[in-house]
Amino acid sequence: MKEQVQPLLKWVGGKRQLLPSLLKVMPKSFDFYVEPFLGGGALFFHLQPKNAVVCDINSELINFYNVVKDSPEPLIQKLLSYTDSEEFFYSIRNLDRDPESFSKLSNIDKAARTYYLNRVCFNGLYRVTKKGFFNSPYGKSSHPYVVNSQRIMMVSRMLNDGNISIINGSFEDVEPYLKENSFIYLDPPYDPVSASASFTNYSNGGFNKDMQIKLKEFCDRLTDKGHKFLLSNSATPFIVDLYKDYKKTIVKANRRVNSVASKRGVVDEILVRNYK
């Protein structure tokens, strides 16, 4: 029996609630797992593949996972020294306002900052400005800041038990890693259901419709090379038409991250795949 491994971070577009739907349409077998938009990694941690490459364009996120893999104990000790107060939160949040000083922080310090901000900021919303500055406010949550040391150690063991590569880059950067009988799960920033619903600033690059088209072309290349892919996205007319030549399943999902409570709720999402 495998240890049950839970994600360490709350991430916009996280797939914990969608896991049952994803598992229903996954291929029955594969030898190599690939996830180019890792985020919180709900499916990755649920599957616990032994051979995988995971990737994300957010450099702070990837640094966090690499530190969890290589230096979990020093990370935990650093996190235990942090306090849950508005003043301390903004002192940690604003470290990136001085890029030169921020660049000199150790990888452990940066990883601790990522975990702490995710735990204490408003609604766990990782959001950056065009300059790359983290700008989510203090959360003022009724839940106290707690370092889940046991979960960090479990994730570290999982990342070390298999042949897992963790890389920082775009979705196309995983292509050199693909092997025979690969399965690629793609969870990009979603196509917005309305102009006001757009949220693609997990990094300072954004993800617009041109990028969605580029991703579809990437899926075409995967198909031509015989790789299996599963993609999740908003069931907007644009996305439905873009993947018109592939198998599609519409599922219901709860949108829980929005600063306006009335804009949260059940929406249609689409699962696209190139296999039976």
Protein backbone atom coordinates (compact mmCIF):
# COMPACT_ATOMS: atom_id res chain seq x y z
CA MET A 1 0.00 0.00 0.00
CA LYS A 2 1.32 3.43 -0.94
CA GLU A 3 1.35 6.25 1.57
CA GLN A 4 -1.42 8.73 0.88
CA VAL A 5 0.36 11.87 -0.26
CA GLN A 6 -1.47 15.19 -0.18
CA PRO A 7 -0.50 18.38 -2.05
CA LEU A 8 1.48 20.92 -0.04
CA LEU A 9 0.12 24.06 -1.67
CA LYS A 10 -3.28 25.47 -2.46
CA TRP A 11 -3.18 26.53 -6.10
CA VAL A 12 -5.59 28.37 -8.36
CA GLY A 13 -7.18 25.77 -10.63
CA GLY A 14 -6.13 22.93 -8.32
CA LYS A 15 -7.57 19.55 -9.31
CA ARG A 16 -8.40 17.88 -5.98
CA GLN A 17 -12.15 18.12 -6.56
CA LEU A 18 -11.81 17.01 -10.19
CA LEU A 19 -9.73 13.90 -9.39
CA PRO A 20 -12.62 11.38 -9.70
CA SER A 21 -13.44 12.69 -13.19
CA LEU A 22 -9.79 12.64 -14.25
CA LEU A 23 -9.26 9.10 -12.98
CA LYS A 24 -12.29 7.86 -14.93
CA VAL A 25 -10.86 8.93 -18.28
CA MET A 26 -7.14 8.26 -17.71
CA PRO A 27 -5.44 5.59 -19.85
CA LYS A 28 -5.39 2.18 -18.22
CA SER A 29 -1.62 1.92 -18.36
CA PHE A 30 1.47 3.98 -19.13
CA ASP A 31 5.18 3.81 -18.33
CA PHE A 32 6.12 7.47 -17.99
CA TYR A 33 4.09 10.33 -16.48
CA VAL A 34 4.49 13.94 -17.63
CA GLU A 35 2.83 17.04 -16.19
CA PRO A 36 3.91 20.34 -17.80
CA PHE A 37 1.66 22.60 -15.67
CA LEU A 38 2.33 21.18 -12.21
CA GLY A 39 0.77 23.82 -9.93
CA GLY A 40 -0.44 22.11 -6.76
CA GLY A 41 0.09 18.67 -8.34
CA ALA A 42 -3.10 16.98 -7.11
CA LEU A 43 -3.14 14.27 -9.80
CA PHE A 44 0.63 13.78 -9.64
CA PHE A 45 0.62 13.24 -5.88
CA HIS A 46 -2.42 10.98 -6.09
CA LEU A 47 -0.82 8.73 -8.73
CA GLN A 48 2.69 8.78 -7.23
CA PRO A 49 4.34 7.66 -10.47
CA LYS A 50 7.79 6.11 -10.19
CA ASN A 51 8.99 7.56 -13.49
CA ALA A 52 7.99 11.12 -14.31
CA VAL A 53 8.93 14.62 -15.32
CA VAL A 54 6.96 17.52 -13.87
CA CYS A 55 7.31 21.11 -14.96
CA ASP A 56 5.99 24.59 -14.31
CA ILE A 57 6.86 28.04 -15.62
CA ASN A 58 6.68 29.49 -12.11
CA SER A 59 10.29 29.44 -10.90
CA GLU A 60 9.39 29.96 -7.23
CA LEU A 61 7.04 26.98 -7.33
CA ILE A 62 9.65 24.72 -8.90
CA ASN A 63 12.30 25.89 -6.45
CA PHE A 64 9.89 24.98 -3.63
CA TYR A 65 9.44 21.42 -4.89
CA ASN A 66 13.17 20.95 -5.42
CA VAL A 67 13.87 22.12 -1.86
CA VAL A 68 11.17 19.79 -0.50
CA LYS A 69 12.87 16.96 -2.39
CA ASP A 70 16.46 17.77 -1.40
CA SER A 71 16.32 19.69 1.91
CA PRO A 72 13.04 19.05 3.76
CA GLU A 73 14.44 19.30 7.30
CA PRO A 74 16.09 22.74 6.90
CA LEU A 75 12.91 23.95 5.17
CA ILE A 76 10.75 22.81 8.09
CA GLN A 77 13.07 24.47 10.62
CA LYS A 78 12.88 27.73 8.68
CA LEU A 79 9.09 27.58 8.49
CA LEU A 80 8.79 26.94 12.23
CA SER A 81 10.57 30.24 12.86
CA TYR A 82 7.86 32.21 11.01
CA THR A 83 4.91 33.87 12.76
CA ASP A 84 1.37 34.54 11.61
CA SER A 85 0.95 38.30 11.82
CA GLU A 86 0.10 40.96 9.29
CA GLU A 87 3.36 42.80 9.90
CA PHE A 88 5.49 39.68 9.44
CA PHE A 89 3.47 38.63 6.37
CA TYR A 90 4.18 41.89 4.55
CA SER A 91 7.85 41.79 5.52
CA ILE A 92 8.10 38.37 3.82
CA ARG A 93 5.86 39.27 0.90
CA ASN A 94 7.81 42.43 0.07
CA LEU A 95 11.20 40.72 -0.12
CA ASP A 96 10.89 40.54 -3.91
CA ARG A 97 10.51 44.33 -4.20
CA ASP A 98 14.31 44.49 -4.11
CA PRO A 99 15.27 42.07 -6.92
CA GLU A 100 18.98 42.24 -6.17
CA SER A 101 18.56 41.32 -2.52
CA PHE A 102 15.91 38.73 -3.36
CA SER A 103 18.25 37.01 -5.81
CA LYS A 104 20.76 36.52 -2.97
CA LEU A 105 18.32 34.60 -0.78
CA SER A 106 19.05 30.90 -0.42
CA ASN A 107 16.81 28.40 -2.16
CA ILE A 108 15.58 27.31 1.27
CA ASP A 109 14.62 30.88 2.20
CA LYS A 110 12.75 31.28 -1.09
CA ALA A 111 10.97 27.96 -0.67
CA ALA A 112 9.93 28.86 2.88
CA ARG A 113 8.57 32.17 1.60
CA THR A 114 6.51 30.37 -1.08
CA TYR A 115 4.97 27.98 1.45
CA TYR A 116 4.33 30.68 4.05
CA LEU A 117 2.71 33.13 1.62
CA ASN A 118 0.52 30.36 0.24
CA ARG A 119 -0.62 29.45 3.74
CA VAL A 120 -1.21 32.98 5.04
CA CYS A 121 -2.24 35.13 2.05
CA PHE A 122 -5.85 35.77 1.08
CA ASN A 123 -7.54 32.57 -0.10
CA GLY A 124 -4.20 30.92 -0.95
CA LEU A 125 -4.14 33.01 -4.11
CA TYR A 126 -0.69 32.97 -5.73
CA ARG A 127 -0.73 36.12 -7.86
CA VAL A 128 2.04 38.30 -9.25
CA THR A 129 2.24 41.68 -10.98
CA LYS A 130 3.69 42.23 -14.46
CA LYS A 131 7.04 42.85 -12.74
CA GLY A 132 6.78 39.47 -11.03
CA PHE A 133 6.04 40.83 -7.52
CA PHE A 134 3.80 38.71 -5.31
CA ASN A 135 0.81 40.93 -4.50
CA SER A 136 -1.89 38.89 -2.75
CA PRO A 137 -2.84 40.55 0.57
CA TYR A 138 -2.74 39.17 4.09
CA GLY A 139 -5.54 36.67 4.59
CA LYS A 140 -6.66 37.46 8.15
CA SER A 141 -7.83 33.85 8.33
CA SER A 142 -9.45 32.35 11.39
CA HIS A 143 -7.25 29.30 10.79
CA PRO A 144 -3.81 29.62 12.41
CA TYR A 145 -0.60 29.21 10.42
CA VAL A 146 0.56 25.61 10.88
CA VAL A 147 3.61 23.94 9.37
CA ASN A 148 2.56 20.48 8.19
CA SER A 149 5.95 18.86 8.78
CA GLN A 150 4.66 15.33 8.32
CA ARG A 151 3.18 16.13 4.92
CA ILE A 152 6.39 17.84 3.78
CA MET A 153 8.40 14.74 4.72
CA MET A 154 5.94 12.44 2.95
CA VAL A 155 6.16 14.46 -0.26
CA SER A 156 9.96 14.50 0.02
CA ARG A 157 10.07 10.71 0.33
CA MET A 158 7.79 10.31 -2.69
CA LEU A 159 9.92 12.62 -4.83
CA ASN A 160 13.05 10.67 -3.88
CA ASP A 161 11.63 7.16 -4.14
CA GLY A 162 11.25 7.28 -7.92
CA ASN A 163 12.94 8.70 -10.99
CA ILE A 164 11.31 12.14 -10.81
CA SER A 165 12.67 15.14 -12.72
CA ILE A 166 11.42 18.58 -11.66
CA ILE A 167 12.05 21.32 -14.22
CA ASN A 168 11.30 25.02 -14.60
CA GLY A 169 10.04 25.95 -18.05
CA SER A 170 7.15 26.09 -20.48
CA PHE A 171 5.04 23.12 -21.49
CA GLU A 172 7.14 22.61 -24.63
CA ASP A 173 10.26 22.11 -22.54
CA VAL A 174 9.10 18.61 -21.57
CA GLU A 175 9.36 17.32 -25.14
CA PRO A 176 13.00 16.11 -24.84
CA TYR A 177 12.01 14.05 -21.78
CA LEU A 178 9.22 12.08 -23.45
CA LYS A 179 9.66 8.32 -23.57
CA GLU A 180 7.81 5.42 -25.11
CA ASN A 181 4.32 4.94 -23.68
CA SER A 182 4.24 8.38 -22.04
CA PHE A 183 1.06 9.87 -20.59
CA ILE A 184 0.91 13.65 -20.47
CA TYR A 185 -1.61 15.48 -18.28
CA LEU A 186 -2.07 19.13 -19.29
CA ASP A 187 -3.73 21.57 -16.90
CA PRO A 188 -3.00 25.03 -18.34
CA PRO A 189 -4.35 28.34 -17.09
CA TYR A 190 -7.95 28.13 -18.20
CA ASP A 191 -9.49 30.05 -21.06
CA PRO A 192 -11.58 32.72 -19.26
CA VAL A 193 -15.35 32.26 -19.37
CA SER A 194 -15.68 36.06 -19.48
CA ALA A 195 -13.41 39.07 -19.76
CA SER A 196 -13.66 39.72 -16.02
CA ALA A 197 -13.02 36.09 -15.09
CA SER A 198 -9.51 35.91 -16.50
CA PHE A 199 -6.84 34.76 -14.08
CA THR A 200 -3.62 33.67 -15.75
CA ASN A 201 -1.00 35.55 -13.73
CA TYR A 202 0.59 32.67 -11.82
CA SER A 203 3.76 34.03 -13.40
CA ASN A 204 4.46 37.36 -15.05
CA GLY A 205 4.04 35.94 -18.57
CA GLY A 206 0.29 35.31 -18.66
CA PHE A 207 -1.47 32.74 -20.87
CA ASN A 208 -3.63 34.18 -23.64
CA LYS A 209 -5.52 32.69 -26.59
CA ASP A 210 -2.38 32.58 -28.71
CA MET A 211 -0.82 30.39 -26.04
CA GLN A 212 -3.93 28.17 -26.01
CA ILE A 213 -3.50 27.68 -29.76
CA LYS A 214 0.20 26.92 -29.27
CA LEU A 215 -0.76 24.33 -26.66
CA LYS A 216 -3.22 22.70 -29.04
CA GLU A 217 -0.45 22.45 -31.64
CA PHE A 218 1.69 20.80 -28.96
CA CYS A 219 -1.11 18.27 -28.42
CA ASP A 220 -1.14 17.60 -32.17
CA ARG A 221 2.59 16.81 -32.02
CA LEU A 222 2.05 14.48 -29.08
CA THR A 223 -0.63 12.67 -31.05
CA ASP A 224 1.56 12.39 -34.16
CA LYS A 225 4.31 10.82 -32.02
CA GLY A 226 1.92 8.30 -30.44
CA HIS A 227 1.82 9.79 -26.95
CA LYS A 228 -1.38 9.85 -24.90
CA PHE A 229 -2.55 13.17 -23.47
CA LEU A 230 -5.38 14.35 -21.25
CA LEU A 231 -6.14 18.07 -21.05
CA SER A 232 -8.49 20.00 -18.78
CA ASN A 233 -9.79 23.49 -19.53
CA SER A 234 -12.85 25.70 -19.44
CA ALA A 235 -15.64 24.48 -21.71
CA THR A 236 -15.73 27.79 -23.58
CA PRO A 237 -16.83 27.84 -27.25
CA PHE A 238 -13.23 28.72 -28.18
CA ILE A 239 -11.76 25.66 -26.44
CA VAL A 240 -14.53 23.30 -27.59
CA ASP A 241 -13.93 24.33 -31.20
CA LEU A 242 -10.14 24.31 -30.84
CA TYR A 243 -10.18 20.62 -29.85
CA LYS A 244 -13.04 19.60 -32.14
CA ASP A 245 -11.03 16.70 -33.57
CA TYR A 246 -10.42 15.07 -30.18
CA LYS A 247 -12.51 13.09 -27.70
CA LYS A 248 -14.17 15.38 -25.15
CA THR A 249 -16.02 14.99 -21.85
CA ILE A 250 -17.87 17.82 -20.12
CA VAL A 251 -17.75 17.77 -16.30
CA LYS A 252 -19.03 20.04 -13.55
CA ALA A 253 -16.57 21.76 -11.26
CA ASN A 254 -16.72 24.29 -8.46
CA ARG A 255 -14.84 27.55 -8.97
CA ARG A 256 -13.80 28.58 -5.47
CA VAL A 257 -11.20 31.29 -6.10
CA ASN A 258 -12.68 34.67 -6.85
CA SER A 259 -12.56 37.90 -4.88
CA VAL A 260 -16.31 38.28 -5.54
CA ALA A 261 -18.26 35.54 -3.79
CA SER A 262 -21.18 35.74 -6.26
CA LYS A 263 -18.82 34.74 -9.09
CA ARG A 264 -17.89 31.45 -7.43
CA GLY A 265 -19.93 28.37 -8.20
CA VAL A 266 -20.43 25.38 -10.50
CA VAL A 267 -19.12 25.70 -14.05
CA ASP A 268 -18.60 23.42 -17.04
CA GLU A 269 -15.08 22.16 -17.64
CA ILE A 270 -13.85 20.06 -20.53
CA LEU A 271 -11.57 17.02 -20.53
CA VAL A 272 -9.89 16.43 -23.88
CA ARG A 273 -7.97 13.26 -24.81
CA ASN A 274 -6.53 11.48 -27.84
CA TYR A 275 -7.22 7.89 -26.79
CA LYS A 276 -10.23 5.65 -26.14
